[in-house]
Amino acid sequence: MFKPRIIEGHPDWLDETGVKIYTISASNHLVDQTKYMSRLTKVKAMRDIDWANTPAFVIFHDGASCNYLVLVWWGNDNELFTSVSVNAEGEWQEDANQYSFCLYDLEVMWAERNIYIQTIDCKSPSLKQYQQSR
C-alpha cells in the first residue's frame, strides 16, 4: 500500500561529474549516500557517456526490502535513459528483467522532466542551470 516517503535533493548534491543526487527513504530516515557512491562510479564507468556534459541524475533509494540506485540521463535530444541497480543480500546487480524504478522514483522523474524542459530543451540551454535546479 502506498505510503509517502521522504524525497530529498539539494542544489549542492552533485557527484564529481555533476550528476544530481536525490534520496528516497522508505523508513523516513536520512539516506546514507556513501553506501551508494561506489556502485554509482561502477555503473557510470560501464557506459560510454561524457557524464560531465550530460544532464543526469541519480536516486539513492532506501526501499522497504532492498536498496535501489536509479541512474537516469538525457540523450538524443529528449529521451530519458535509465539504469537500475539493486543491492539484494549485500550484492549489487543490474537486471532489467527483474528490477526497475518504482512509483516513488517517478515523482523525481516528473520533476526532472520539467527541469529539463526549462533548462535544456529551451531557447538558451544551460547544463549549469539544470544541475543547480531541484
Protein backbone atom coordinates (compact mmCIF):
# COMPACT_ATOMS: atom_id res chain seq x y z
CA MET A 1 0.00 0.00 0.00
CA PHE A 2 1.25 3.46 -0.90
CA LYS A 3 2.75 5.49 1.93
CA PRO A 4 4.51 8.80 1.34
CA ARG A 5 8.31 8.66 1.56
CA ILE A 6 10.88 11.31 2.30
CA ILE A 7 12.34 12.54 -1.00
CA GLU A 8 15.28 14.91 -0.85
CA GLY A 9 17.52 16.67 -3.33
CA HIS A 10 19.62 19.77 -2.79
CA PRO A 11 21.41 22.01 -5.32
CA ASP A 12 24.81 21.11 -3.83
CA TRP A 13 24.17 17.35 -4.04
CA LEU A 14 26.24 16.56 -7.14
CA ASP A 15 28.77 13.83 -7.77
CA GLU A 16 32.23 14.66 -9.15
CA THR A 17 30.91 14.83 -12.75
CA GLY A 18 27.83 16.93 -11.99
CA VAL A 19 25.24 14.15 -11.75
CA LYS A 20 22.44 15.39 -9.50
CA ILE A 21 21.72 13.28 -6.41
CA TYR A 22 18.31 12.59 -4.88
CA THR A 23 17.42 10.32 -1.99
CA ILE A 24 14.26 8.44 -1.11
CA SER A 25 13.68 6.66 2.19
CA ALA A 26 11.01 4.07 2.95
CA SER A 27 11.85 4.28 6.66
CA ASN A 28 11.70 8.09 6.67
CA HIS A 29 15.29 8.27 7.90
CA LEU A 30 18.08 10.19 6.19
CA VAL A 31 19.76 8.14 3.46
CA ASP A 32 23.47 7.39 3.87
CA GLN A 33 24.73 8.40 0.42
CA THR A 34 28.19 6.91 0.96
CA LYS A 35 26.86 3.35 0.66
CA TYR A 36 25.81 4.12 -2.94
CA MET A 37 28.84 6.03 -4.27
CA SER A 38 31.00 3.05 -5.23
CA ARG A 39 28.15 1.49 -7.21
CA LEU A 40 27.39 4.81 -8.91
CA THR A 41 31.02 5.04 -10.06
CA LYS A 42 30.87 1.49 -11.47
CA VAL A 43 27.55 1.98 -13.27
CA LYS A 44 28.77 5.20 -14.89
CA ALA A 45 32.04 3.55 -15.95
CA MET A 46 30.11 0.79 -17.76
CA ARG A 47 28.71 3.35 -20.21
CA ASP A 48 30.46 5.39 -22.86
CA ILE A 49 28.93 8.70 -21.78
CA ASP A 50 30.56 12.07 -21.21
CA TRP A 51 28.96 12.49 -17.79
CA ALA A 52 30.39 15.97 -17.22
CA ASN A 53 28.45 17.22 -20.27
CA THR A 54 25.29 15.12 -19.93
CA PRO A 55 22.20 16.17 -17.98
CA ALA A 56 21.78 13.34 -15.47
CA PHE A 57 20.54 12.49 -12.02
CA VAL A 58 20.66 9.55 -9.67
CA ILE A 59 18.26 8.36 -7.00
CA PHE A 60 19.62 6.60 -3.91
CA HIS A 61 16.53 4.79 -2.71
CA ASP A 62 16.45 3.01 0.64
CA GLY A 63 13.49 0.82 -0.22
CA ALA A 64 11.35 -1.31 2.05
CA SER A 65 13.10 -4.55 1.06
CA CYS A 66 16.24 -3.51 -0.90
CA ASN A 67 18.38 -0.51 -1.73
CA TYR A 68 18.00 0.83 -5.26
CA LEU A 69 20.33 3.02 -7.28
CA VAL A 70 18.48 4.55 -10.22
CA LEU A 71 20.81 6.37 -12.63
CA VAL A 72 18.98 8.46 -15.21
CA TRP A 73 20.32 10.55 -18.09
CA TRP A 74 19.00 12.52 -21.03
CA GLY A 75 20.12 11.78 -24.59
CA ASN A 76 19.02 12.02 -28.22
CA ASP A 77 17.60 15.49 -27.54
CA ASN A 78 14.66 14.41 -25.35
CA GLU A 79 14.94 10.74 -24.41
CA LEU A 80 15.30 9.52 -20.82
CA PHE A 81 17.61 6.55 -20.26
CA THR A 82 17.73 4.57 -17.01
CA SER A 83 19.89 2.06 -15.22
CA VAL A 84 18.56 0.37 -12.08
CA SER A 85 20.87 -1.42 -9.68
CA VAL A 86 19.56 -3.28 -6.65
CA ASN A 87 21.51 -4.31 -3.59
CA ALA A 88 19.92 -7.59 -2.64
CA GLU A 89 21.59 -9.65 0.06
CA GLY A 90 24.67 -7.42 0.10
CA GLU A 91 25.48 -7.58 -3.61
CA TRP A 92 24.66 -5.04 -6.31
CA GLN A 93 23.06 -6.29 -9.51
CA GLU A 94 21.54 -4.74 -12.59
CA ASP A 95 18.90 -6.91 -14.24
CA ALA A 96 16.23 -5.14 -16.31
CA ASN A 97 14.19 -8.35 -16.41
CA GLN A 98 13.92 -8.39 -12.63
CA TYR A 99 14.25 -4.80 -11.37
CA SER A 100 13.09 -1.35 -12.41
CA PHE A 101 12.35 2.01 -10.87
CA CYS A 102 9.17 2.32 -8.83
CA LEU A 103 6.32 4.76 -8.37
CA TYR A 104 8.25 6.73 -5.74
CA ASP A 105 11.07 7.31 -8.24
CA LEU A 106 8.54 8.65 -10.74
CA GLU A 107 7.97 11.71 -8.57
CA VAL A 108 11.62 12.67 -9.05
CA MET A 109 11.48 11.81 -12.76
CA TRP A 110 8.47 14.06 -13.28
CA ALA A 111 10.20 16.95 -11.53
CA GLU A 112 13.31 16.32 -13.63
CA ARG A 113 11.25 16.28 -16.82
CA ASN A 114 10.05 19.77 -16.03
CA ILE A 115 13.52 20.98 -15.06
CA TYR A 116 14.93 19.54 -18.30
CA ILE A 117 12.34 21.41 -20.39
CA GLN A 118 13.05 24.69 -18.58
CA THR A 119 16.86 24.47 -18.64
CA ILE A 120 17.96 22.26 -21.57
CA ASP A 121 15.12 21.79 -24.08
CA CYS A 122 14.66 25.52 -24.43
CA LYS A 123 15.90 28.57 -26.35
CA SER A 124 19.03 29.02 -24.18
CA PRO A 125 20.15 25.61 -22.86
CA SER A 126 22.29 25.63 -19.72
CA LEU A 127 23.73 22.48 -18.16
CA LYS A 128 24.83 24.51 -15.13
CA GLN A 129 21.30 25.77 -14.60
CA TYR A 130 20.00 22.21 -14.99
CA GLN A 131 22.45 20.93 -12.36
CA GLN A 132 21.50 23.66 -9.89
CA SER A 133 17.74 23.18 -10.24
CA ARG A 134 15.65 20.97 -7.98
